Amino acid sequence: MTMSGKAQKNKDNEEKIVRAVAVLQSVADSNITPRNIRKIVKDAVTMLQNPSLTPGVRAANAISLLDEVSQDPNMPSFARVTIWNAVSTLESVREAV
């Protein structure tokens, strides 16, 4: 992959992460979402915004947290669908090699 191709891939990954953060923020800011779920979603957002890790690592870490919380029986259905939407966006983040 050329340098410009790698730069473009990184830019695409960052845009996907920004979109996922925006989607997750709606769950984290909702009063309908139980407090324990909001906390985990906020942790995932913080993880996604960590500049010391590559986009692929940040996405993988967040997916791990979100997969776990999406199994919570207390999760409102709107929050579950929103989290799945964010996970699907994050799953398309790949390292630029």
Protein backbone atom coordinates (compact mmCIF):
# COMPACT_ATOMS: atom_id res chain seq x y z
CA MET A 1 0.00 0.00 0.00
CA THR A 2 1.34 3.42 -0.87
CA MET A 3 1.87 6.10 1.72
CA SER A 4 -1.12 8.08 0.46
CA GLY A 5 -3.23 4.90 0.56
CA LYS A 6 -2.19 4.30 4.15
CA ALA A 7 -2.97 7.90 5.07
CA GLN A 8 -6.39 7.59 3.41
CA LYS A 9 -7.11 4.35 5.29
CA ASN A 10 -6.20 6.02 8.60
CA LYS A 11 -8.45 8.98 7.74
CA ASP A 12 -11.33 6.60 6.90
CA ASN A 13 -10.78 4.72 10.17
CA GLU A 14 -10.80 7.96 12.19
CA GLU A 15 -14.05 9.03 10.48
CA LYS A 16 -15.67 5.68 11.36
CA ILE A 17 -14.56 6.07 14.97
CA VAL A 18 -15.98 9.61 15.12
CA ARG A 19 -19.32 8.30 13.75
CA ALA A 20 -19.37 5.44 16.28
CA VAL A 21 -18.58 7.85 19.15
CA ALA A 22 -21.49 10.10 18.10
CA VAL A 23 -23.87 7.12 18.04
CA LEU A 24 -22.65 5.81 21.40
CA GLN A 25 -22.88 9.27 22.95
CA SER A 26 -26.64 9.23 22.33
CA VAL A 27 -26.91 6.07 24.47
CA ALA A 28 -24.57 7.44 27.15
CA ASP A 29 -26.58 10.68 27.37
CA SER A 30 -30.00 9.01 27.53
CA ASN A 31 -31.78 8.98 30.89
CA ILE A 32 -33.66 5.85 29.77
CA THR A 33 -30.40 3.87 29.68
CA PRO A 34 -29.56 2.24 33.05
CA ARG A 35 -26.60 3.83 34.87
CA ASN A 36 -24.33 0.74 34.69
CA ILE A 37 -24.82 0.52 30.92
CA ARG A 38 -24.21 4.28 30.49
CA LYS A 39 -20.93 3.91 32.39
CA ILE A 40 -19.68 1.08 30.15
CA VAL A 41 -20.71 2.96 27.01
CA LYS A 42 -18.87 6.07 28.29
CA ASP A 43 -15.81 3.88 28.97
CA ALA A 44 -15.99 2.62 25.37
CA VAL A 45 -16.19 6.22 24.08
CA THR A 46 -13.16 7.18 26.19
CA MET A 47 -11.29 4.16 24.82
CA LEU A 48 -12.15 5.15 21.25
CA GLN A 49 -10.78 8.65 21.85
CA ASN A 50 -7.42 7.44 23.22
CA PRO A 51 -4.81 8.85 20.81
CA SER A 52 -2.00 6.63 22.12
CA LEU A 53 -3.52 3.51 20.50
CA THR A 54 -4.00 2.74 16.81
CA PRO A 55 -7.55 2.99 15.43
CA GLY A 56 -7.76 -0.81 15.06
CA VAL A 57 -6.81 -1.43 18.69
CA ARG A 58 -9.21 1.24 19.94
CA ALA A 59 -12.04 -0.25 17.88
CA ALA A 60 -11.29 -3.82 19.05
CA ASN A 61 -11.19 -2.76 22.71
CA ALA A 62 -14.47 -0.87 22.42
CA ILE A 63 -16.16 -3.76 20.57
CA SER A 64 -15.13 -6.08 23.39
CA LEU A 65 -16.78 -3.84 26.01
CA LEU A 66 -19.88 -3.22 23.91
CA ASP A 67 -20.41 -6.90 23.03
CA GLU A 68 -20.45 -7.71 26.71
CA VAL A 69 -22.87 -4.94 27.69
CA SER A 70 -25.23 -5.63 24.78
CA GLN A 71 -26.10 -8.95 26.48
CA ASP A 72 -27.45 -7.13 29.56
CA PRO A 73 -31.15 -8.02 30.02
CA ASN A 74 -31.84 -4.54 31.47
CA MET A 75 -30.76 -2.86 28.23
CA PRO A 76 -33.59 -0.92 26.57
CA SER A 77 -34.12 -2.16 23.01
CA PHE A 78 -33.31 1.25 21.45
CA ALA A 79 -29.95 1.23 23.24
CA ARG A 80 -29.16 -2.33 22.13
CA VAL A 81 -29.89 -1.54 18.48
CA THR A 82 -27.87 1.69 18.71
CA ILE A 83 -24.91 -0.15 20.24
CA TRP A 84 -25.09 -2.86 17.55
CA ASN A 85 -25.04 -0.09 14.94
CA ALA A 86 -21.88 1.39 16.50
CA VAL A 87 -20.24 -2.06 16.76
CA SER A 88 -20.98 -2.71 13.10
CA THR A 89 -19.25 0.57 12.17
CA LEU A 90 -16.29 -0.26 14.39
CA GLU A 91 -15.93 -3.76 12.93
CA SER A 92 -15.08 -2.16 9.59
CA VAL A 93 -12.08 -0.36 11.11
CA ARG A 94 -8.91 -2.14 9.95
CA GLU A 95 -5.27 -1.35 10.48
CA ALA A 96 -3.58 0.40 7.57
CA VAL A 97 -0.59 -1.79 6.76
